[in-house]
Structures are given as C-alpha cells and as structure tokens.
Amino acid sequence: MTERTSSIERHTKETQIRLEMDIDGEGNSNITTGVPFISHMLDLFTKHGHFDITIDAQGDTDVDDHHTTEDIGICLGQVFNEAVGDKKGIHRYGNVTIPMDDALAQVVVDLSNRPHFEYRGELPNAKVGTFDTELVHEFLWKFASEARINLHVIVHYGHNTHHIIEAVFKAMARALDEATQQDERVKGIPSTKGML
C-alpha cells in the first residue's frame, strides 16, 4: 500500500508551524503548540484516529490563542487532504458517536472534496482554563475547509464543556479513521462521478 503521509511548514507574522501526518499510523503524537488545551485535544485526536502526528507550533499567544489554533487547523487540514491521496479504495464516509461521561457527541464525515461544515450544539462555558471555547468552532471550520471534506458535528447533550469538546475530537478522529480505511470491495474512486 502506498504510504499516506504529508508534511507542511507554514510561516506568517503570527505563527510558525511545522506539521507531519501519517494516516496509517499507530496513534503516536509529538505535539507542541503553546496552547495547552488544543495540544491535549490533538493528542486525543491522534490516539483515537490511529494517526501519527508531529506538530511544532509557535504563535502570538501573548495576544491570545486564536491565530495559533486557527493556523494549526489550516495546516492539519491541508496535510490530511494531501496524505489521503487519490481516495481510491477508501470507505469515504465515517459516522461515529462517542460518550465522554455526561457528554455525547456525533461526528459524520464525507471525504467529498466539497468543503462544508455544520455544527449543532452548545458549549456551556466560554472558557476551559485559559482557552476560549469559541476557538473550537474556528479550528473545526478551518480544518474542514482545508481538508476539503464535509464535517458535521452534533453535540447531543452534555453539561461539562471540557467533556463535550473532548467527545467531539475523539468522534472526529474515529470518523476520519473510518472514512480513510481501505476496503477491497471498493474498486477505484468511491463515486458514481468517477472522481472526488
């Protein structure tokens, strides 16, 4: 099987990011972002998606966590899109629901090459520690756009904000793992159009 890996370096006046991804990994992460909460979520994402991900990100966190979080989402999306390759023989779709104590989150994906993001649910608190929870939406939207996927996130319920976000990241990881799996029954591109 062809290796499904990719890497990127992105340097702006706000952030400097180096990111590598192996879709067919073992859940190994080496993540430094300067934003502890997003590092934690990406570590979970790596583990539960069975990806190998290295991220070295530095940003203007003295301002806030916005630029770093957003730009990691952009880079991760671009690397994912490149690593998944020509999409021949993959499942294409993923649909996973994950509980995290009081929270239940569902993520549905289509590796369609038509970017779209939908989010249904509430985050009860504006902050988890020092992290602005509105940045979760920002990260997911940018990831979906750059990965060129349909990403639908549904938070069914939950009252602990940390648990809700953690359930979302775990469900997204599992859904993407499901969608990228090779299936010997799938011949060529999984689309009647013959391309994605």
N, C-alpha and C. Protein backbone atom coordinates (compact mmCIF):
# COMPACT_ATOMS: atom_id res chain seq x y z
N MET A 1 0.85 -1.20 0.00
CA MET A 1 0.00 0.00 0.00
C MET A 1 0.88 1.25 0.00
N THR A 2 0.50 2.23 -0.78
CA THR A 2 1.23 3.49 -0.84
C THR A 2 1.18 4.18 0.51
N GLU A 3 2.32 4.75 0.91
CA GLU A 3 2.35 5.50 2.16
C GLU A 3 1.46 6.72 2.06
N ARG A 4 0.65 6.92 3.09
CA ARG A 4 -0.26 8.07 3.10
C ARG A 4 0.23 9.05 4.16
N THR A 5 1.23 9.81 3.77
CA THR A 5 1.87 10.77 4.66
C THR A 5 1.97 12.12 3.98
N SER A 6 2.11 13.16 4.79
CA SER A 6 2.31 14.50 4.26
C SER A 6 2.89 15.39 5.36
N SER A 7 3.48 16.48 4.94
CA SER A 7 4.03 17.45 5.90
C SER A 7 3.91 18.85 5.33
N ILE A 8 3.99 19.82 6.21
CA ILE A 8 3.87 21.21 5.79
C ILE A 8 4.67 22.08 6.75
N GLU A 9 5.19 23.18 6.24
CA GLU A 9 5.73 24.26 7.06
C GLU A 9 5.03 25.53 6.64
N ARG A 10 4.52 26.25 7.62
CA ARG A 10 3.77 27.49 7.34
C ARG A 10 4.29 28.58 8.26
N HIS A 11 4.77 29.66 7.67
CA HIS A 11 5.33 30.76 8.45
C HIS A 11 4.62 32.06 8.08
N THR A 12 4.03 32.69 9.08
CA THR A 12 3.42 34.00 8.90
C THR A 12 3.96 34.93 10.00
N LYS A 13 3.52 36.16 10.00
CA LYS A 13 3.93 37.09 11.04
C LYS A 13 3.30 36.74 12.39
N GLU A 14 2.28 35.83 12.34
CA GLU A 14 1.57 35.46 13.57
C GLU A 14 1.95 34.08 14.10
N THR A 15 2.28 33.15 13.19
CA THR A 15 2.58 31.78 13.61
C THR A 15 3.68 31.17 12.75
N GLN A 16 4.37 30.21 13.35
CA GLN A 16 5.33 29.36 12.63
C GLN A 16 4.97 27.92 12.98
N ILE A 17 4.62 27.15 11.97
CA ILE A 17 4.10 25.80 12.21
C ILE A 17 4.80 24.80 11.30
N ARG A 18 5.22 23.70 11.90
CA ARG A 18 5.69 22.52 11.17
C ARG A 18 4.81 21.36 11.58
N LEU A 19 4.22 20.66 10.61
CA LEU A 19 3.26 19.60 10.91
C LEU A 19 3.48 18.42 9.97
N GLU A 20 3.49 17.21 10.53
CA GLU A 20 3.63 15.98 9.76
C GLU A 20 2.51 15.02 10.17
N MET A 21 2.00 14.26 9.20
CA MET A 21 0.92 13.31 9.49
C MET A 21 1.09 12.03 8.68
N ASP A 22 0.88 10.92 9.35
CA ASP A 22 0.80 9.61 8.71
C ASP A 22 -0.58 9.06 9.03
N ILE A 23 -1.43 8.94 8.02
CA ILE A 23 -2.79 8.47 8.24
C ILE A 23 -2.82 7.04 8.75
N ASP A 24 -1.88 6.21 8.27
CA ASP A 24 -1.84 4.81 8.67
C ASP A 24 -0.82 4.59 9.78
N GLY A 25 -0.97 5.36 10.84
CA GLY A 25 -0.02 5.32 11.93
C GLY A 25 -0.46 4.40 13.06
N GLU A 26 0.12 4.67 14.22
CA GLU A 26 -0.15 3.86 15.42
C GLU A 26 -0.65 4.69 16.58
N GLY A 27 -1.04 5.93 16.31
CA GLY A 27 -1.53 6.79 17.38
C GLY A 27 -0.44 7.50 18.14
N ASN A 28 0.71 7.69 17.50
CA ASN A 28 1.84 8.36 18.15
C ASN A 28 1.78 9.86 17.89
N SER A 29 1.96 10.63 18.95
CA SER A 29 1.93 12.09 18.81
C SER A 29 3.16 12.72 19.43
N ASN A 30 3.59 13.80 18.81
CA ASN A 30 4.66 14.65 19.34
C ASN A 30 4.20 16.08 19.07
N ILE A 31 3.48 16.64 20.03
CA ILE A 31 2.74 17.88 19.79
C ILE A 31 3.15 18.97 20.77
N THR A 32 3.60 20.08 20.21
CA THR A 32 3.92 21.28 20.98
C THR A 32 3.26 22.45 20.27
N THR A 33 2.33 23.12 20.94
CA THR A 33 1.60 24.20 20.29
C THR A 33 1.66 25.53 21.04
N GLY A 34 2.00 25.53 22.29
CA GLY A 34 1.91 26.75 23.09
C GLY A 34 0.50 27.04 23.57
N VAL A 35 -0.45 26.16 23.16
CA VAL A 35 -1.85 26.28 23.61
C VAL A 35 -2.19 24.94 24.26
N PRO A 36 -2.03 24.82 25.58
CA PRO A 36 -2.14 23.51 26.24
C PRO A 36 -3.43 22.75 25.95
N PHE A 37 -4.57 23.44 25.90
CA PHE A 37 -5.83 22.74 25.69
C PHE A 37 -5.91 22.14 24.29
N ILE A 38 -5.48 22.90 23.27
CA ILE A 38 -5.54 22.36 21.90
C ILE A 38 -4.51 21.25 21.73
N SER A 39 -3.39 21.34 22.43
CA SER A 39 -2.41 20.24 22.42
C SER A 39 -3.04 18.97 22.97
N HIS A 40 -3.77 19.11 24.05
CA HIS A 40 -4.46 17.97 24.67
C HIS A 40 -5.47 17.36 23.71
N MET A 41 -6.26 18.20 23.05
CA MET A 41 -7.26 17.69 22.11
C MET A 41 -6.62 17.00 20.91
N LEU A 42 -5.52 17.55 20.41
CA LEU A 42 -4.84 16.96 19.27
C LEU A 42 -4.13 15.65 19.65
N ASP A 43 -3.69 15.56 20.87
CA ASP A 43 -3.12 14.30 21.35
C ASP A 43 -4.19 13.21 21.36
N LEU A 44 -5.39 13.56 21.84
CA LEU A 44 -6.53 12.62 21.82
C LEU A 44 -6.91 12.26 20.38
N PHE A 45 -6.95 13.26 19.53
CA PHE A 45 -7.29 13.06 18.12
C PHE A 45 -6.32 12.06 17.47
N THR A 46 -5.04 12.24 17.74
CA THR A 46 -4.02 11.35 17.18
C THR A 46 -4.22 9.92 17.66
N LYS A 47 -4.40 9.76 18.95
CA LYS A 47 -4.52 8.43 19.55
C LYS A 47 -5.76 7.70 19.03
N HIS A 48 -6.88 8.37 19.03
CA HIS A 48 -8.14 7.71 18.69
C HIS A 48 -8.35 7.55 17.18
N GLY A 49 -7.60 8.31 16.37
CA GLY A 49 -7.65 8.13 14.93
C GLY A 49 -6.61 7.17 14.40
N HIS A 50 -5.73 6.70 15.30
CA HIS A 50 -4.62 5.83 14.90
C HIS A 50 -3.73 6.51 13.87
N PHE A 51 -3.59 7.83 14.01
CA PHE A 51 -2.69 8.59 13.16
C PHE A 51 -1.35 8.77 13.87
N ASP A 52 -0.31 9.09 13.13
CA ASP A 52 0.93 9.59 13.72
C ASP A 52 1.03 11.06 13.33
N ILE A 53 1.13 11.93 14.33
CA ILE A 53 1.15 13.37 14.06
C ILE A 53 2.24 14.04 14.88
N THR A 54 3.02 14.87 14.20
CA THR A 54 4.01 15.73 14.84
C THR A 54 3.63 17.18 14.54
N ILE A 55 3.55 17.97 15.59
CA ILE A 55 3.25 19.40 15.41
C ILE A 55 4.21 20.21 16.27
N ASP A 56 4.87 21.16 15.64
CA ASP A 56 5.69 22.13 16.36
C ASP A 56 5.17 23.50 15.94
N ALA A 57 4.42 24.13 16.83
CA ALA A 57 3.78 25.41 16.52
C ALA A 57 4.18 26.47 17.52
N GLN A 58 4.50 27.62 17.01
CA GLN A 58 4.76 28.79 17.84
C GLN A 58 3.93 29.94 17.29
N GLY A 59 3.29 30.65 18.19
CA GLY A 59 2.43 31.74 17.73
C GLY A 59 2.36 32.86 18.73
N ASP A 60 1.58 33.88 18.38
CA ASP A 60 1.46 35.08 19.21
C ASP A 60 0.44 34.86 20.33
N THR A 61 0.73 33.86 21.17
CA THR A 61 -0.18 33.55 22.28
C THR A 61 -0.18 34.63 23.35
N ASP A 62 0.76 35.58 23.25
CA ASP A 62 0.71 36.73 24.15
C ASP A 62 -0.49 37.62 23.82
N VAL A 63 -0.95 37.54 22.57
CA VAL A 63 -2.18 38.25 22.18
C VAL A 63 -3.38 37.42 22.64
N ASP A 64 -3.53 36.23 22.07
CA ASP A 64 -4.48 35.21 22.52
C ASP A 64 -4.17 33.93 21.75
N ASP A 65 -5.02 32.93 21.89
CA ASP A 65 -4.76 31.63 21.26
C ASP A 65 -5.36 31.49 19.86
N HIS A 66 -5.99 32.57 19.39
CA HIS A 66 -6.76 32.48 18.15
C HIS A 66 -5.90 32.08 16.94
N HIS A 67 -4.86 32.85 16.66
CA HIS A 67 -4.07 32.63 15.45
C HIS A 67 -3.42 31.25 15.45
N THR A 68 -2.89 30.84 16.59
CA THR A 68 -2.24 29.53 16.66
C THR A 68 -3.23 28.41 16.42
N THR A 69 -4.38 28.47 17.09
CA THR A 69 -5.41 27.43 16.95
C THR A 69 -5.93 27.38 15.51
N GLU A 70 -6.23 28.54 14.95
CA GLU A 70 -6.75 28.62 13.58
C GLU A 70 -5.73 28.06 12.58
N ASP A 71 -4.48 28.47 12.71
CA ASP A 71 -3.46 28.08 11.73
C ASP A 71 -3.10 26.60 11.84
N ILE A 72 -3.18 26.03 13.03
CA ILE A 72 -2.99 24.58 13.15
C ILE A 72 -4.12 23.85 12.43
N GLY A 73 -5.35 24.35 12.56
CA GLY A 73 -6.47 23.76 11.84
C GLY A 73 -6.27 23.81 10.34
N ILE A 74 -5.76 24.94 9.84
CA ILE A 74 -5.47 25.09 8.41
C ILE A 74 -4.42 24.08 7.97
N CYS A 75 -3.32 24.01 8.72
CA CYS A 75 -2.22 23.12 8.36
C CYS A 75 -2.63 21.65 8.45
N LEU A 76 -3.34 21.28 9.50
CA LEU A 76 -3.77 19.89 9.65
C LEU A 76 -4.71 19.50 8.52
N GLY A 77 -5.59 20.40 8.12
CA GLY A 77 -6.50 20.12 7.01
C GLY A 77 -5.75 19.92 5.71
N GLN A 78 -4.79 20.78 5.42
CA GLN A 78 -4.03 20.67 4.18
C GLN A 78 -3.22 19.37 4.15
N VAL A 79 -2.61 19.03 5.26
CA VAL A 79 -1.80 17.81 5.33
C VAL A 79 -2.68 16.56 5.22
N PHE A 80 -3.84 16.59 5.88
CA PHE A 80 -4.77 15.46 5.79
C PHE A 80 -5.21 15.25 4.34
N ASN A 81 -5.59 16.34 3.67
CA ASN A 81 -6.06 16.24 2.29
C ASN A 81 -4.99 15.65 1.38
N GLU A 82 -3.75 16.06 1.56
CA GLU A 82 -2.67 15.54 0.73
C GLU A 82 -2.34 14.09 1.08
N ALA A 83 -2.34 13.79 2.38
CA ALA A 83 -1.96 12.44 2.82
C ALA A 83 -2.96 11.38 2.37
N VAL A 84 -4.25 11.73 2.33
CA VAL A 84 -5.26 10.72 1.98
C VAL A 84 -5.14 10.30 0.52
N GLY A 85 -4.49 11.14 -0.28
CA GLY A 85 -4.15 10.74 -1.64
C GLY A 85 -5.32 10.77 -2.61
N ASP A 86 -5.31 9.83 -3.55
CA ASP A 86 -6.31 9.85 -4.63
C ASP A 86 -7.67 9.28 -4.23
N LYS A 87 -7.77 8.77 -3.02
CA LYS A 87 -9.02 8.27 -2.44
C LYS A 87 -9.50 6.96 -3.05
N LYS A 88 -8.69 6.34 -3.87
CA LYS A 88 -9.08 5.05 -4.46
C LYS A 88 -9.19 4.00 -3.36
N GLY A 89 -10.31 3.28 -3.37
CA GLY A 89 -10.49 2.15 -2.48
C GLY A 89 -10.83 2.47 -1.04
N ILE A 90 -11.12 3.74 -0.73
CA ILE A 90 -11.44 4.08 0.67
C ILE A 90 -12.94 3.99 0.92
N HIS A 91 -13.29 3.97 2.21
CA HIS A 91 -14.71 3.97 2.58
C HIS A 91 -15.40 5.27 2.19
N ARG A 92 -14.69 6.38 2.33
CA ARG A 92 -15.15 7.73 2.03
C ARG A 92 -15.97 8.34 3.16
N TYR A 93 -16.87 7.59 3.76
CA TYR A 93 -17.76 8.12 4.81
C TYR A 93 -17.36 7.59 6.18
N GLY A 94 -17.63 8.39 7.21
CA GLY A 94 -17.46 7.96 8.59
C GLY A 94 -18.55 8.56 9.45
N ASN A 95 -19.03 7.79 10.42
CA ASN A 95 -20.10 8.24 11.30
C ASN A 95 -19.88 7.61 12.67
N VAL A 96 -19.46 8.42 13.64
CA VAL A 96 -19.10 7.89 14.95
C VAL A 96 -19.72 8.75 16.05
N THR A 97 -20.28 8.09 17.05
CA THR A 97 -20.81 8.75 18.24
C THR A 97 -20.00 8.31 19.44
N ILE A 98 -19.53 9.27 20.22
CA ILE A 98 -18.64 9.00 21.35
C ILE A 98 -19.21 9.62 22.62
N PRO A 99 -19.30 8.83 23.70
CA PRO A 99 -19.65 9.41 25.00
C PRO A 99 -18.39 9.84 25.74
N MET A 100 -18.50 10.87 26.53
CA MET A 100 -17.45 11.27 27.46
C MET A 100 -18.14 11.71 28.74
N ASP A 101 -18.29 10.75 29.64
CA ASP A 101 -19.02 10.99 30.88
C ASP A 101 -20.43 11.54 30.58
N ASP A 102 -20.68 12.80 30.91
CA ASP A 102 -22.02 13.38 30.73
C ASP A 102 -22.32 13.79 29.30
N ALA A 103 -21.29 13.82 28.44
CA ALA A 103 -21.44 14.36 27.09
C ALA A 103 -21.55 13.26 26.05
N LEU A 104 -22.30 13.55 24.98
CA LEU A 104 -22.41 12.64 23.85
C LEU A 104 -22.29 13.47 22.57
N ALA A 105 -21.29 13.15 21.76
CA ALA A 105 -21.04 13.88 20.52
C ALA A 105 -20.99 12.93 19.34
N GLN A 106 -21.52 13.37 18.23
CA GLN A 106 -21.52 12.60 16.99
C GLN A 106 -20.82 13.41 15.91
N VAL A 107 -19.96 12.73 15.14
CA VAL A 107 -19.30 13.37 14.00
C VAL A 107 -19.51 12.50 12.77
N VAL A 108 -19.97 13.14 11.70
CA VAL A 108 -20.21 12.47 10.43
C VAL A 108 -19.36 13.17 9.37
N VAL A 109 -18.61 12.38 8.59
CA VAL A 109 -17.72 12.97 7.58
C VAL A 109 -17.93 12.31 6.22
N ASP A 110 -17.66 13.09 5.20
CA ASP A 110 -17.61 12.62 3.82
C ASP A 110 -16.38 13.25 3.19
N LEU A 111 -15.46 12.42 2.72
CA LEU A 111 -14.25 12.93 2.08
C LEU A 111 -14.58 13.26 0.62
N SER A 112 -15.39 14.27 0.45
CA SER A 112 -16.09 14.55 -0.80
C SER A 112 -15.35 15.47 -1.75
N ASN A 113 -14.33 16.15 -1.26
CA ASN A 113 -13.66 17.23 -2.00
C ASN A 113 -14.58 18.44 -2.20
N ARG A 114 -15.65 18.49 -1.41
CA ARG A 114 -16.55 19.64 -1.40
C ARG A 114 -16.66 20.12 0.05
N PRO A 115 -15.85 21.09 0.42
CA PRO A 115 -15.80 21.50 1.84
C PRO A 115 -17.14 22.04 2.34
N HIS A 116 -17.55 21.54 3.50
CA HIS A 116 -18.75 22.04 4.17
C HIS A 116 -18.64 21.69 5.65
N PHE A 117 -19.07 22.62 6.50
CA PHE A 117 -19.02 22.39 7.95
C PHE A 117 -20.35 22.78 8.57
N GLU A 118 -20.89 21.87 9.36
CA GLU A 118 -22.10 22.13 10.15
C GLU A 118 -21.82 21.78 11.60
N TYR A 119 -22.28 22.65 12.49
CA TYR A 119 -22.11 22.40 13.93
C TYR A 119 -23.44 22.61 14.62
N ARG A 120 -23.88 21.60 15.36
CA ARG A 120 -25.12 21.69 16.11
C ARG A 120 -24.82 21.33 17.57
N GLY A 121 -24.98 22.28 18.44
CA GLY A 121 -24.73 22.02 19.85
C GLY A 121 -24.26 23.27 20.56
N GLU A 122 -24.25 23.19 21.87
CA GLU A 122 -23.86 24.32 22.70
C GLU A 122 -22.68 23.94 23.59
N LEU A 123 -21.80 24.91 23.80
CA LEU A 123 -20.75 24.77 24.79
C LEU A 123 -21.13 25.65 25.98
N PRO A 124 -21.38 25.06 27.13
CA PRO A 124 -21.93 25.82 28.26
C PRO A 124 -21.04 26.96 28.75
N ASN A 125 -19.72 26.81 28.65
CA ASN A 125 -18.82 27.81 29.18
C ASN A 125 -17.95 28.43 28.09
N ALA A 126 -17.65 29.71 28.24
CA ALA A 126 -16.84 30.43 27.26
C ALA A 126 -15.36 30.09 27.37
N LYS A 127 -14.97 29.50 28.50
CA LYS A 127 -13.56 29.16 28.70
C LYS A 127 -13.43 27.78 29.32
N VAL A 128 -12.35 27.09 28.93
CA VAL A 128 -11.88 25.91 29.66
C VAL A 128 -10.46 26.27 30.07
N GLY A 129 -10.26 26.50 31.37
CA GLY A 129 -8.99 27.07 31.81
C GLY A 129 -8.81 28.44 31.19
N THR A 130 -7.72 28.62 30.45
CA THR A 130 -7.48 29.90 29.78
C THR A 130 -7.90 29.87 28.31
N PHE A 131 -8.42 28.73 27.85
CA PHE A 131 -8.74 28.55 26.43
C PHE A 131 -10.14 29.06 26.12
N ASP A 132 -10.26 29.90 25.07
CA ASP A 132 -11.56 30.39 24.63
C ASP A 132 -12.25 29.31 23.81
N THR A 133 -13.38 28.82 24.31
CA THR A 133 -14.02 27.66 23.66
C THR A 133 -14.60 27.99 22.29
N GLU A 134 -14.80 29.27 21.97
CA GLU A 134 -15.26 29.62 20.62
C GLU A 134 -14.23 29.21 19.56
N LEU A 135 -12.99 28.99 19.98
CA LEU A 135 -11.94 28.61 19.04
C LEU A 135 -12.09 27.17 18.55
N VAL A 136 -12.88 26.37 19.24
CA VAL A 136 -13.16 25.00 18.77
C VAL A 136 -13.86 25.08 17.41
N HIS A 137 -14.87 25.92 17.31
CA HIS A 137 -15.57 26.12 16.05
C HIS A 137 -14.62 26.62 14.97
N GLU A 138 -13.76 27.56 15.34
CA GLU A 138 -12.80 28.12 14.39
C GLU A 138 -11.86 27.04 13.86
N PHE A 139 -11.36 26.21 14.76
CA PHE A 139 -10.45 25.12 14.38
C PHE A 139 -11.15 24.13 13.45
N LEU A 140 -12.34 23.69 13.81
CA LEU A 140 -13.06 22.67 13.03
C LEU A 140 -13.44 23.19 11.66
N TRP A 141 -13.89 24.44 11.59
CA TRP A 141 -14.27 25.05 10.32
C TRP A 141 -13.08 25.13 9.38
N LYS A 142 -11.93 25.60 9.90
CA LYS A 142 -10.74 25.72 9.06
C LYS A 142 -10.22 24.35 8.64
N PHE A 143 -10.27 23.38 9.55
CA PHE A 143 -9.83 22.03 9.20
C PHE A 143 -10.70 21.46 8.06
N ALA A 144 -12.01 21.55 8.20
CA ALA A 144 -12.91 21.01 7.19
C ALA A 144 -12.69 21.68 5.84
N SER A 145 -12.51 22.99 5.84
CA SER A 145 -12.31 23.73 4.61
C SER A 145 -11.03 23.30 3.90
N GLU A 146 -9.94 23.20 4.65
CA GLU A 146 -8.65 22.86 4.04
C GLU A 146 -8.53 21.37 3.72
N ALA A 147 -9.19 20.52 4.51
CA ALA A 147 -9.19 19.08 4.23
C ALA A 147 -10.12 18.76 3.06
N ARG A 148 -10.98 19.71 2.70
CA ARG A 148 -11.95 19.57 1.61
C ARG A 148 -12.91 18.40 1.87
N ILE A 149 -13.48 18.44 3.08
CA ILE A 149 -14.41 17.40 3.50
C ILE A 149 -15.72 18.01 3.95
N ASN A 150 -16.77 17.20 3.97
CA ASN A 150 -18.00 17.52 4.70
C ASN A 150 -17.76 17.10 6.14
N LEU A 151 -17.92 18.00 7.08
CA LEU A 151 -17.75 17.70 8.50
C LEU A 151 -18.98 18.19 9.25
N HIS A 152 -19.73 17.23 9.80
CA HIS A 152 -20.93 17.55 10.57
C HIS A 152 -20.71 17.12 12.01
N VAL A 153 -20.85 18.08 12.92
CA VAL A 153 -20.64 17.83 14.35
C VAL A 153 -21.96 18.07 15.06
N ILE A 154 -22.42 17.07 15.80
CA ILE A 154 -23.67 17.17 16.55
C ILE A 154 -23.39 16.83 18.01
N VAL A 155 -23.57 17.81 18.87
CA VAL A 155 -23.47 17.56 20.31
C VAL A 155 -24.88 17.25 20.80
N HIS A 156 -25.12 16.01 21.15
CA HIS A 156 -26.46 15.61 21.56
C HIS A 156 -26.81 16.16 22.94
N TYR A 157 -25.83 16.11 23.85
CA TYR A 157 -26.03 16.70 25.17
C TYR A 157 -24.72 16.69 25.93
N GLY A 158 -24.75 17.34 27.09
CA GLY A 158 -23.58 17.42 27.96
C GLY A 158 -23.60 18.72 28.72
N HIS A 159 -23.04 18.72 29.92
CA HIS A 159 -23.00 19.96 30.70
C HIS A 159 -21.59 20.38 31.07
N ASN A 160 -20.61 19.48 30.92
CA ASN A 160 -19.22 19.84 31.18
C ASN A 160 -18.56 20.17 29.84
N THR A 161 -18.11 21.41 29.72
CA THR A 161 -17.59 21.89 28.44
C THR A 161 -16.36 21.11 27.98
N HIS A 162 -15.47 20.82 28.91
CA HIS A 162 -14.28 20.03 28.57
C HIS A 162 -14.68 18.67 28.01
N HIS A 163 -15.62 18.02 28.66
CA HIS A 163 -16.08 16.70 28.21
C HIS A 163 -16.71 16.76 26.81
N ILE A 164 -17.49 17.80 26.55
CA ILE A 164 -18.13 17.94 25.25
C ILE A 164 -17.08 18.06 24.15
N ILE A 165 -16.12 18.96 24.34
CA ILE A 165 -15.09 19.18 23.33
C ILE A 165 -14.25 17.92 23.14
N GLU A 166 -13.93 17.25 24.23
CA GLU A 166 -13.15 16.02 24.13
C GLU A 166 -13.91 14.95 23.34
N ALA A 167 -15.21 14.83 23.58
CA ALA A 167 -16.02 13.87 22.83
C ALA A 167 -16.03 14.20 21.34
N VAL A 168 -16.08 15.49 21.01
CA VAL A 168 -16.07 15.91 19.61
C VAL A 168 -14.76 15.51 18.93
N PHE A 169 -13.64 15.78 19.57
CA PHE A 169 -12.34 15.46 18.96
C PHE A 169 -12.13 13.96 18.83
N LYS A 170 -12.57 13.20 19.81
CA LYS A 170 -12.45 11.74 19.71
C LYS A 170 -13.35 11.20 18.60
N ALA A 171 -14.57 11.71 18.52
CA ALA A 171 -15.50 11.24 17.49
C ALA A 171 -15.00 11.62 16.10
N MET A 172 -14.43 12.81 15.97
CA MET A 172 -13.89 13.22 14.68
C MET A 172 -12.74 12.32 14.27
N ALA A 173 -11.87 12.00 15.20
CA ALA A 173 -10.74 11.11 14.90
C ALA A 173 -11.22 9.76 14.42
N ARG A 174 -12.18 9.18 15.13
CA ARG A 174 -12.70 7.85 14.76
C ARG A 174 -13.44 7.89 13.42
N ALA A 175 -14.18 8.98 13.18
CA ALA A 175 -14.92 9.09 11.91
C ALA A 175 -13.95 9.22 10.74
N LEU A 176 -12.89 10.00 10.90
CA LEU A 176 -11.89 10.14 9.83
C LEU A 176 -11.12 8.84 9.62
N ASP A 177 -10.85 8.13 10.70
CA ASP A 177 -10.19 6.83 10.57
C ASP A 177 -11.08 5.87 9.78
N GLU A 178 -12.36 5.88 10.10
CA GLU A 178 -13.32 5.02 9.39
C GLU A 178 -13.38 5.38 7.91
N ALA A 179 -13.44 6.67 7.61
CA ALA A 179 -13.58 7.13 6.23
C ALA A 179 -12.35 6.85 5.38
N THR A 180 -11.18 6.85 6.00
CA THR A 180 -9.94 6.66 5.24
C THR A 180 -9.53 5.20 5.10
N GLN A 181 -10.27 4.30 5.75
CA GLN A 181 -9.90 2.89 5.67
C GLN A 181 -10.04 2.34 4.25
N GLN A 182 -9.10 1.51 3.87
CA GLN A 182 -9.15 0.84 2.57
C GLN A 182 -10.14 -0.32 2.66
N ASP A 183 -10.93 -0.50 1.61
CA ASP A 183 -11.92 -1.56 1.53
C ASP A 183 -11.74 -2.26 0.19
N GLU A 184 -11.38 -3.54 0.24
CA GLU A 184 -11.09 -4.26 -1.01
C GLU A 184 -12.31 -4.37 -1.93
N ARG A 185 -13.51 -4.14 -1.38
CA ARG A 185 -14.72 -4.17 -2.21
C ARG A 185 -14.85 -2.92 -3.08
N VAL A 186 -14.19 -1.84 -2.65
CA VAL A 186 -14.28 -0.57 -3.38
C VAL A 186 -13.25 -0.57 -4.50
N LYS A 187 -13.73 -0.53 -5.71
CA LYS A 187 -12.86 -0.52 -6.87
C LYS A 187 -12.74 0.91 -7.39
N GLY A 188 -11.56 1.46 -7.31
CA GLY A 188 -11.34 2.83 -7.80
C GLY A 188 -11.89 3.87 -6.85
N ILE A 189 -12.36 4.98 -7.42
CA ILE A 189 -12.88 6.11 -6.64
C ILE A 189 -14.31 5.80 -6.20
N PRO A 190 -14.63 5.97 -4.90
CA PRO A 190 -15.99 5.67 -4.42
C PRO A 190 -16.99 6.78 -4.75
N SER A 191 -17.25 6.94 -6.05
CA SER A 191 -18.21 7.94 -6.51
C SER A 191 -18.69 7.56 -7.90
N THR A 192 -19.99 7.74 -8.14
CA THR A 192 -20.52 7.46 -9.48
C THR A 192 -20.00 8.45 -10.52
N LYS A 193 -19.45 9.59 -10.06
CA LYS A 193 -18.89 10.57 -10.98
C LYS A 193 -17.51 10.15 -11.47
N GLY A 194 -16.89 9.19 -10.76
CA GLY A 194 -15.55 8.76 -11.14
C GLY A 194 -14.44 9.62 -10.61
N MET A 195 -14.80 10.60 -9.78
CA MET A 195 -13.78 11.44 -9.16
C MET A 195 -14.34 12.07 -7.88
N LEU A 196 -13.43 12.43 -7.01
CA LEU A 196 -13.78 13.18 -5.81
C LEU A 196 -12.89 14.43 -5.76
